[in-house]
Amino acid sequence: MDDETRHTQGMSVRRAVLGDAHVDAAVASSSELTSDFQDFITRYAWGEVWGRPALDRRTRSCITIAMLVTLKQEHELAMHLRAALRVGVTREEIREILLQTAIYAGVPAANRAFAIAQDVLSRESD
């Protein structure tokens, strides 16, 4: 996929998840300093990752919430909580995500998780 296609797809997904008002505000507040970053997140976060078909938007949203809680990214968390509701995550599910995150945030180290996933996935067939 070329950069223009990736950007177009990314903008479509970004608008569907975050809403037109949020995206319009982000684009309008873009500056010479931030325009490359806005393009980057639109193409890669939204066009490449969020646009992949293997996980639906609800699932990606749940994962994102858990990660943002773990990383203590309050501004981004608020934005993604709103987005979660837009893509159909319920309040009850958000509560459960937050409870689950309270127990496990920071516990599993990424390198160990990759080793376990590699082991499990190598034993499973499609």
N, C-alpha and C. Protein backbone atom coordinates (compact mmCIF):
# COMPACT_ATOMS: atom_id res chain seq x y z
N MET A 1 0.86 -1.17 0.00
CA MET A 1 0.00 0.00 0.00
C MET A 1 0.90 1.24 0.00
N ASP A 2 0.62 2.18 -0.87
CA ASP A 2 1.43 3.40 -0.91
C ASP A 2 0.98 4.37 0.19
N ASP A 3 1.79 5.41 0.40
CA ASP A 3 1.52 6.36 1.49
C ASP A 3 0.19 7.07 1.35
N GLU A 4 -0.19 7.42 0.12
CA GLU A 4 -1.46 8.13 -0.08
C GLU A 4 -2.65 7.23 0.27
N THR A 5 -2.60 5.98 -0.17
CA THR A 5 -3.66 5.03 0.14
C THR A 5 -3.72 4.77 1.64
N ARG A 6 -2.55 4.60 2.25
CA ARG A 6 -2.46 4.37 3.69
C ARG A 6 -3.04 5.56 4.46
N HIS A 7 -2.75 6.77 3.99
CA HIS A 7 -3.27 7.97 4.65
C HIS A 7 -4.79 8.05 4.51
N THR A 8 -5.29 7.76 3.32
CA THR A 8 -6.74 7.79 3.08
C THR A 8 -7.46 6.76 3.95
N GLN A 9 -6.93 5.54 3.97
CA GLN A 9 -7.51 4.51 4.82
C GLN A 9 -7.41 4.91 6.29
N GLY A 10 -6.27 5.42 6.68
CA GLY A 10 -6.07 5.84 8.06
C GLY A 10 -7.04 6.93 8.48
N MET A 11 -7.26 7.89 7.62
CA MET A 11 -8.19 8.97 7.95
C MET A 11 -9.61 8.44 8.08
N SER A 12 -9.97 7.50 7.25
CA SER A 12 -11.31 6.90 7.33
C SER A 12 -11.50 6.15 8.65
N VAL A 13 -10.52 5.34 9.02
CA VAL A 13 -10.60 4.60 10.28
C VAL A 13 -10.55 5.56 11.46
N ARG A 14 -9.67 6.52 11.41
CA ARG A 14 -9.52 7.50 12.49
C ARG A 14 -10.84 8.23 12.73
N ARG A 15 -11.50 8.65 11.67
CA ARG A 15 -12.79 9.34 11.80
C ARG A 15 -13.87 8.41 12.36
N ALA A 16 -13.87 7.16 11.90
CA ALA A 16 -14.88 6.20 12.38
C ALA A 16 -14.72 5.92 13.87
N VAL A 17 -13.49 5.87 14.34
CA VAL A 17 -13.23 5.54 15.75
C VAL A 17 -13.32 6.77 16.65
N LEU A 18 -12.68 7.86 16.25
CA LEU A 18 -12.60 9.03 17.12
C LEU A 18 -13.70 10.06 16.88
N GLY A 19 -14.31 10.01 15.72
CA GLY A 19 -15.35 10.98 15.38
C GLY A 19 -14.79 12.13 14.57
N ASP A 20 -15.65 12.68 13.72
CA ASP A 20 -15.24 13.78 12.85
C ASP A 20 -14.78 15.00 13.63
N ALA A 21 -15.51 15.34 14.69
CA ALA A 21 -15.16 16.55 15.45
C ALA A 21 -13.75 16.47 16.02
N HIS A 22 -13.40 15.32 16.58
CA HIS A 22 -12.05 15.16 17.16
C HIS A 22 -10.99 15.26 16.07
N VAL A 23 -11.21 14.56 14.97
CA VAL A 23 -10.21 14.55 13.90
C VAL A 23 -10.11 15.93 13.25
N ASP A 24 -11.24 16.58 13.03
CA ASP A 24 -11.21 17.92 12.46
C ASP A 24 -10.44 18.88 13.35
N ALA A 25 -10.63 18.77 14.66
CA ALA A 25 -9.90 19.63 15.60
C ALA A 25 -8.40 19.34 15.57
N ALA A 26 -8.05 18.07 15.50
CA ALA A 26 -6.62 17.71 15.45
C ALA A 26 -5.98 18.23 14.17
N VAL A 27 -6.67 18.09 13.06
CA VAL A 27 -6.14 18.57 11.78
C VAL A 27 -6.05 20.10 11.79
N ALA A 28 -7.08 20.76 12.31
CA ALA A 28 -7.09 22.23 12.34
C ALA A 28 -5.98 22.79 13.23
N SER A 29 -5.64 22.06 14.29
CA SER A 29 -4.61 22.57 15.20
C SER A 29 -3.21 22.13 14.79
N SER A 30 -3.11 21.40 13.71
CA SER A 30 -1.81 20.97 13.22
C SER A 30 -0.98 22.19 12.81
N SER A 31 0.30 22.10 13.06
CA SER A 31 1.21 23.20 12.74
C SER A 31 2.40 22.67 11.96
N GLU A 32 3.29 23.57 11.62
CA GLU A 32 4.51 23.14 10.93
C GLU A 32 5.25 22.11 11.79
N LEU A 33 5.22 22.31 13.10
CA LEU A 33 5.89 21.39 14.02
C LEU A 33 5.20 20.04 14.07
N THR A 34 3.87 20.01 14.09
CA THR A 34 3.13 18.76 14.34
C THR A 34 2.57 18.08 13.10
N SER A 35 2.62 18.72 11.94
CA SER A 35 1.97 18.15 10.75
C SER A 35 2.57 16.80 10.34
N ASP A 36 3.87 16.65 10.43
CA ASP A 36 4.48 15.35 10.09
C ASP A 36 4.02 14.26 11.06
N PHE A 37 3.89 14.61 12.34
CA PHE A 37 3.42 13.65 13.32
C PHE A 37 1.97 13.25 13.04
N GLN A 38 1.12 14.23 12.70
CA GLN A 38 -0.27 13.93 12.37
C GLN A 38 -0.35 12.99 11.17
N ASP A 39 0.45 13.24 10.16
CA ASP A 39 0.50 12.37 9.00
C ASP A 39 0.98 10.98 9.38
N PHE A 40 2.01 10.91 10.20
CA PHE A 40 2.57 9.64 10.65
C PHE A 40 1.54 8.79 11.38
N ILE A 41 0.84 9.37 12.37
CA ILE A 41 -0.14 8.57 13.12
C ILE A 41 -1.34 8.19 12.25
N THR A 42 -1.69 9.06 11.32
CA THR A 42 -2.80 8.73 10.43
C THR A 42 -2.43 7.54 9.54
N ARG A 43 -1.24 7.57 8.98
CA ARG A 43 -0.82 6.48 8.09
C ARG A 43 -0.54 5.18 8.82
N TYR A 44 0.21 5.26 9.93
CA TYR A 44 0.66 4.02 10.57
C TYR A 44 -0.26 3.54 11.68
N ALA A 45 -0.60 4.38 12.62
CA ALA A 45 -1.49 3.93 13.71
C ALA A 45 -2.86 3.57 13.15
N TRP A 46 -3.42 4.50 12.37
CA TRP A 46 -4.80 4.30 11.91
C TRP A 46 -4.88 3.54 10.59
N GLY A 47 -3.98 3.79 9.66
CA GLY A 47 -4.03 3.13 8.36
C GLY A 47 -3.45 1.74 8.36
N GLU A 48 -2.33 1.55 9.03
CA GLU A 48 -1.67 0.24 9.05
C GLU A 48 -2.19 -0.65 10.16
N VAL A 49 -2.19 -0.18 11.40
CA VAL A 49 -2.53 -1.05 12.52
C VAL A 49 -4.03 -1.16 12.73
N TRP A 50 -4.70 -0.02 12.99
CA TRP A 50 -6.15 -0.07 13.22
C TRP A 50 -6.89 -0.56 11.98
N GLY A 51 -6.31 -0.44 10.81
CA GLY A 51 -6.96 -0.86 9.58
C GLY A 51 -6.80 -2.33 9.24
N ARG A 52 -6.02 -3.05 10.03
CA ARG A 52 -5.82 -4.48 9.77
C ARG A 52 -7.10 -5.25 10.09
N PRO A 53 -7.42 -6.27 9.32
CA PRO A 53 -8.71 -6.95 9.49
C PRO A 53 -8.76 -8.03 10.58
N ALA A 54 -7.63 -8.47 11.11
CA ALA A 54 -7.65 -9.62 12.03
C ALA A 54 -8.33 -9.33 13.37
N LEU A 55 -8.33 -8.07 13.80
CA LEU A 55 -9.04 -7.67 15.03
C LEU A 55 -10.05 -6.61 14.67
N ASP A 56 -11.25 -6.72 15.24
CA ASP A 56 -12.24 -5.68 15.00
C ASP A 56 -11.94 -4.45 15.85
N ARG A 57 -12.62 -3.38 15.58
CA ARG A 57 -12.35 -2.12 16.28
C ARG A 57 -12.68 -2.19 17.76
N ARG A 58 -13.70 -2.95 18.14
CA ARG A 58 -14.04 -3.11 19.55
C ARG A 58 -12.86 -3.74 20.29
N THR A 59 -12.32 -4.80 19.72
CA THR A 59 -11.19 -5.50 20.35
C THR A 59 -9.98 -4.58 20.44
N ARG A 60 -9.67 -3.89 19.36
CA ARG A 60 -8.53 -2.97 19.38
C ARG A 60 -8.74 -1.88 20.44
N SER A 61 -9.96 -1.43 20.57
CA SER A 61 -10.27 -0.40 21.55
C SER A 61 -10.05 -0.92 22.97
N CYS A 62 -10.51 -2.12 23.25
CA CYS A 62 -10.32 -2.71 24.59
C CYS A 62 -8.84 -2.85 24.92
N ILE A 63 -8.07 -3.32 23.96
CA ILE A 63 -6.63 -3.47 24.16
C ILE A 63 -5.98 -2.11 24.40
N THR A 64 -6.38 -1.13 23.62
CA THR A 64 -5.81 0.21 23.74
C THR A 64 -6.09 0.80 25.11
N ILE A 65 -7.30 0.63 25.61
CA ILE A 65 -7.64 1.13 26.94
C ILE A 65 -6.72 0.51 27.99
N ALA A 66 -6.57 -0.80 27.95
CA ALA A 66 -5.72 -1.47 28.93
C ALA A 66 -4.28 -0.96 28.87
N MET A 67 -3.78 -0.76 27.66
CA MET A 67 -2.40 -0.27 27.53
C MET A 67 -2.26 1.15 28.04
N LEU A 68 -3.22 1.98 27.73
CA LEU A 68 -3.13 3.38 28.16
C LEU A 68 -3.23 3.50 29.67
N VAL A 69 -4.04 2.66 30.30
CA VAL A 69 -4.09 2.64 31.77
C VAL A 69 -2.72 2.25 32.31
N THR A 70 -2.16 1.19 31.76
CA THR A 70 -0.86 0.71 32.21
C THR A 70 0.22 1.77 32.08
N LEU A 71 0.16 2.52 30.99
CA LEU A 71 1.18 3.54 30.73
C LEU A 71 0.86 4.89 31.36
N LYS A 72 -0.29 4.97 32.05
CA LYS A 72 -0.72 6.19 32.72
C LYS A 72 -0.82 7.37 31.76
N GLN A 73 -1.39 7.12 30.61
CA GLN A 73 -1.57 8.14 29.58
C GLN A 73 -2.98 8.70 29.68
N GLU A 74 -3.21 9.56 30.66
CA GLU A 74 -4.56 10.02 30.99
C GLU A 74 -5.24 10.76 29.83
N HIS A 75 -4.54 11.62 29.13
CA HIS A 75 -5.16 12.36 28.03
C HIS A 75 -5.59 11.40 26.92
N GLU A 76 -4.70 10.53 26.54
CA GLU A 76 -5.03 9.55 25.50
C GLU A 76 -6.10 8.58 25.99
N LEU A 77 -6.06 8.23 27.28
CA LEU A 77 -7.07 7.32 27.83
C LEU A 77 -8.46 7.91 27.69
N ALA A 78 -8.61 9.15 28.06
CA ALA A 78 -9.93 9.80 27.96
C ALA A 78 -10.42 9.76 26.52
N MET A 79 -9.57 10.08 25.58
CA MET A 79 -9.95 10.06 24.17
C MET A 79 -10.38 8.67 23.74
N HIS A 80 -9.64 7.66 24.17
CA HIS A 80 -9.95 6.30 23.75
C HIS A 80 -11.13 5.69 24.52
N LEU A 81 -11.43 6.20 25.70
CA LEU A 81 -12.66 5.76 26.36
C LEU A 81 -13.87 6.24 25.56
N ARG A 82 -13.80 7.47 25.11
CA ARG A 82 -14.88 7.99 24.26
C ARG A 82 -14.97 7.19 22.96
N ALA A 83 -13.83 6.93 22.38
CA ALA A 83 -13.80 6.17 21.14
C ALA A 83 -14.36 4.76 21.34
N ALA A 84 -14.06 4.17 22.49
CA ALA A 84 -14.57 2.82 22.78
C ALA A 84 -16.09 2.79 22.74
N LEU A 85 -16.69 3.78 23.32
CA LEU A 85 -18.15 3.86 23.29
C LEU A 85 -18.65 4.00 21.86
N ARG A 86 -17.93 4.76 21.04
CA ARG A 86 -18.32 4.94 19.63
C ARG A 86 -18.30 3.64 18.85
N VAL A 87 -17.38 2.75 19.20
CA VAL A 87 -17.26 1.49 18.44
C VAL A 87 -18.01 0.34 19.11
N GLY A 88 -18.81 0.65 20.14
CA GLY A 88 -19.69 -0.36 20.71
C GLY A 88 -19.25 -1.04 21.98
N VAL A 89 -18.15 -0.60 22.58
CA VAL A 89 -17.76 -1.14 23.88
C VAL A 89 -18.73 -0.56 24.91
N THR A 90 -19.25 -1.42 25.77
CA THR A 90 -20.23 -0.97 26.76
C THR A 90 -19.54 -0.43 28.00
N ARG A 91 -20.29 0.28 28.78
CA ARG A 91 -19.75 0.78 30.06
C ARG A 91 -19.35 -0.37 30.97
N GLU A 92 -20.16 -1.42 30.97
CA GLU A 92 -19.83 -2.60 31.78
C GLU A 92 -18.50 -3.21 31.33
N GLU A 93 -18.30 -3.28 30.02
CA GLU A 93 -17.05 -3.82 29.51
C GLU A 93 -15.87 -2.92 29.87
N ILE A 94 -16.07 -1.62 29.82
CA ILE A 94 -15.00 -0.69 30.23
C ILE A 94 -14.66 -0.93 31.70
N ARG A 95 -15.68 -1.09 32.54
CA ARG A 95 -15.42 -1.36 33.96
C ARG A 95 -14.59 -2.62 34.11
N GLU A 96 -14.95 -3.67 33.37
CA GLU A 96 -14.22 -4.93 33.47
C GLU A 96 -12.78 -4.80 32.96
N ILE A 97 -12.60 -4.03 31.89
CA ILE A 97 -11.25 -3.78 31.38
C ILE A 97 -10.41 -3.10 32.46
N LEU A 98 -10.99 -2.11 33.11
CA LEU A 98 -10.25 -1.38 34.15
C LEU A 98 -9.95 -2.27 35.35
N LEU A 99 -10.89 -3.12 35.74
CA LEU A 99 -10.62 -4.06 36.84
C LEU A 99 -9.52 -5.04 36.45
N GLN A 100 -9.60 -5.57 35.24
CA GLN A 100 -8.58 -6.51 34.77
C GLN A 100 -7.21 -5.83 34.73
N THR A 101 -7.19 -4.62 34.24
CA THR A 101 -5.94 -3.87 34.16
C THR A 101 -5.36 -3.60 35.55
N ALA A 102 -6.25 -3.35 36.51
CA ALA A 102 -5.78 -3.10 37.88
C ALA A 102 -4.97 -4.28 38.42
N ILE A 103 -5.37 -5.46 38.04
CA ILE A 103 -4.66 -6.66 38.52
C ILE A 103 -3.35 -6.90 37.78
N TYR A 104 -3.36 -6.70 36.47
CA TYR A 104 -2.22 -7.14 35.66
C TYR A 104 -1.32 -6.05 35.10
N ALA A 105 -1.67 -4.82 35.21
CA ALA A 105 -0.85 -3.76 34.59
C ALA A 105 0.58 -3.82 35.09
N GLY A 106 1.44 -3.96 34.21
CA GLY A 106 2.86 -3.95 34.54
C GLY A 106 3.42 -5.29 34.95
N VAL A 107 2.56 -6.30 35.14
CA VAL A 107 3.03 -7.59 35.64
C VAL A 107 3.82 -8.36 34.58
N PRO A 108 3.22 -8.63 33.42
CA PRO A 108 3.97 -9.45 32.46
C PRO A 108 4.98 -8.61 31.67
N ALA A 109 6.17 -9.05 31.65
CA ALA A 109 7.20 -8.36 30.85
C ALA A 109 7.01 -8.73 29.39
N ALA A 110 7.20 -7.77 28.53
CA ALA A 110 6.94 -7.99 27.10
C ALA A 110 7.79 -9.12 26.52
N ASN A 111 9.04 -9.20 26.87
CA ASN A 111 9.89 -10.24 26.27
C ASN A 111 9.45 -11.63 26.70
N ARG A 112 8.99 -11.77 27.94
CA ARG A 112 8.49 -13.06 28.40
C ARG A 112 7.18 -13.40 27.68
N ALA A 113 6.32 -12.41 27.50
CA ALA A 113 5.05 -12.64 26.79
C ALA A 113 5.30 -13.08 25.36
N PHE A 114 6.28 -12.47 24.70
CA PHE A 114 6.59 -12.89 23.34
C PHE A 114 7.09 -14.34 23.31
N ALA A 115 7.92 -14.70 24.28
CA ALA A 115 8.43 -16.07 24.34
C ALA A 115 7.29 -17.07 24.55
N ILE A 116 6.37 -16.75 25.43
CA ILE A 116 5.23 -17.63 25.68
C ILE A 116 4.35 -17.71 24.44
N ALA A 117 4.05 -16.56 23.82
CA ALA A 117 3.23 -16.55 22.61
C ALA A 117 3.88 -17.35 21.50
N GLN A 118 5.18 -17.20 21.34
CA GLN A 118 5.90 -17.95 20.32
C GLN A 118 5.74 -19.45 20.55
N ASP A 119 5.89 -19.87 21.79
CA ASP A 119 5.75 -21.29 22.14
C ASP A 119 4.34 -21.79 21.87
N VAL A 120 3.33 -21.07 22.34
CA VAL A 120 1.94 -21.49 22.17
C VAL A 120 1.56 -21.51 20.70
N LEU A 121 1.86 -20.44 19.99
CA LEU A 121 1.47 -20.34 18.59
C LEU A 121 2.18 -21.37 17.70
N SER A 122 3.38 -21.74 18.07
CA SER A 122 4.09 -22.73 17.27
C SER A 122 3.47 -24.13 17.44
N ARG A 123 2.74 -24.33 18.52
CA ARG A 123 2.08 -25.62 18.78
C ARG A 123 0.68 -25.69 18.19
N GLU A 124 0.12 -24.54 17.86
CA GLU A 124 -1.25 -24.48 17.35
C GLU A 124 -1.24 -24.40 15.83
N SER A 125 -2.21 -25.01 15.22
CA SER A 125 -2.34 -24.88 13.77
C SER A 125 -3.52 -23.98 13.47
N ASP A 126 -3.50 -23.37 12.30
CA ASP A 126 -4.61 -22.50 11.88
C ASP A 126 -5.77 -23.36 11.67
